[in-house]
């Protein structure tokens, strides 16, 4: 039986030669992958930049995520951060460190996920460079860039008393998917490929919300055009991230329990939806829907009552240590 090519077996240059053709190109690249650096156009003269890592263990488990899932989620989580500034994503730079015996097909799958996420969520955005190295722990680091198209960035600090609090995207579905994976995607309390496959068939939407989220990236620009006063990406949970917005703006956020939904929708993380505030008389753009109001005070309220539980996801506190 023929053994699959590995990073150790064919080396960096041959691995990259197989990965590059699978990656999406950027409409804003003057010079793309192949030189020491990419050269990008910057029509606005300013650019938005953010970076994030995904590490095997605290951020994903290979028994649960396919390589395509990993590439998709790595792109989606960074694209959402760009969108939360009211910017249009233009390019990604991707660095991967993987065990030397990793099949090259693993990296090809990650590349396919990056391509498909950019195509679906942020057309015109592509991968313009990166790095490949060896590590005992699979790590994916993405830096994302965006263009403001001449607009002011939408910060966390602009919410005003009387504004409407609105969200675009799902609430609680990624947390529900993670809960199901911990409950049913395991065998003998260890993440398991076969159990995960059965769970994907039974609960495809919730599992996908955790492993390959599809945030409304285009609504970031629509929010900026629609007069959003503050915005951020819901990476760590509605209650936790709303508190961050409230603190940055020096106000309180009063959420409607009926509009938010269940406890998982309030506390669950990794939906990567967009939370924004708008003037009370402004029509909500795109997929935004009202879930509360900005009021005087501090912190987060639910139906006028203080919500003091931290909520959200913190890998330093909640990571079990099992890679899977």
Foldseek 3Di string as FASTA:
>chain_A
DDDFDFCLRPHDVVLVVLLVVLWDDALFWPAFPDDPFTDGDAVQVDKDKDKDKAWQFLHAFCLQAQLLLQLQLRQLLQLLQQLQQLWAWTEKEKEKAEARGHGSVSSNSSRNNVRVNCVVAHPNYIYRYYYYHYDHIIMMMMMIMTHNPNFGTAALAFADAQWFKKWFFAFLLLVVLVVCCQVFCDDPSARHNVSSVVVCVVCVVSVCLNRRARENSVVSNVCRVQAWRHKGWFAFFQQQVQQVSQVSHQWEWEFECVLQDDPSRGFEGGSRIMITIHHPPTDRDDRMDTGTGIHHDHGYHYPNHHDPDNGTDDSVPPRPRRSD
